[in-house]
Amino acid sequence: MLEITGLHVAYGGIQAVRSITFHVNQGETVALIGANGAGKSSTLKAIARVIDAVGGDVHFCGEKISRIAPHEVIRKGIALVPEGRGVFPRLTVLENLQMGAYIRNATVEAEKDLKMVFDYFPRLKEREAQLAGTLSGGEQQMLAIGRALMSRPKMLLLDEPSMGLAPIMVQKIFEVVRAVAADGMTILLIEQNARLALQCSQRGYVMESGEISLNGDSAALLDDPKVRAAYLGE
């Protein structure tokens, strides 16, 4: 479904991503793990066209999307849940979710999707009239994921969904990530908690200094001595 070939991202003279190649199959959850500064977020931003890659190609569902506008990436079916959530603080929960459906004209279908989001996140239903800026960090993360789902994507890009959250909220967020995946969503997941990321995915890639140093089935990576020493605290 997603094919990345020779992707290269740079900020001035700093090379953040160095000609990486990887793929995500339809219906898979794939984890991208690595230390801070490894180039993981830059990779997701380049796929979503939030930043420009300086080299390489991105193909989605057989179509090259490496040079299209960011809003066209959303129309193609890719939704990014950014690091830091990026909710609209002065809009209500409901208005934030409705913003997620702005590319769609089918009001009836959007209402169905709103119900789906509230089924995933009952807490958002309870707070639908509340300003997003007054929500807790975990609730804002729920809202960011719900807003992305409102675009009815074919693929979710999740950038550090557990960052800054209490353990109980991390558990709730990942329960929903697993449920969304079980319902058929394709997911590319960046997560600082490498163990959690690999437990939630079928395959994984390890990034170091902008390059992919290791890849394989998530279960195998969990047992890999290098991964255990570097990322699992063992």
Foldseek 3Di string as FASTA:
>chain_A
DKWWFQWWAADVPATQAGGETDGFDFLFEEEEEEDPSLNPQVVVCQLLVVDATPDTWMDDPRHTDRPPDNVVSLVQFEFEQHPVRPFDQAQFLQVSLVVLQVVDDPPVVLVVLLVVLCVLPVVCVVRRRPGLNPDDPLVSLSSSVSSPCSSVGQEYEYAASCPPHDPVSVVSVLVSVLVVSVVGHGYYYYHLQLVSSLVSGQKYFYGGNNYTDDIDGSVVLVVDPVCCVPRVVD
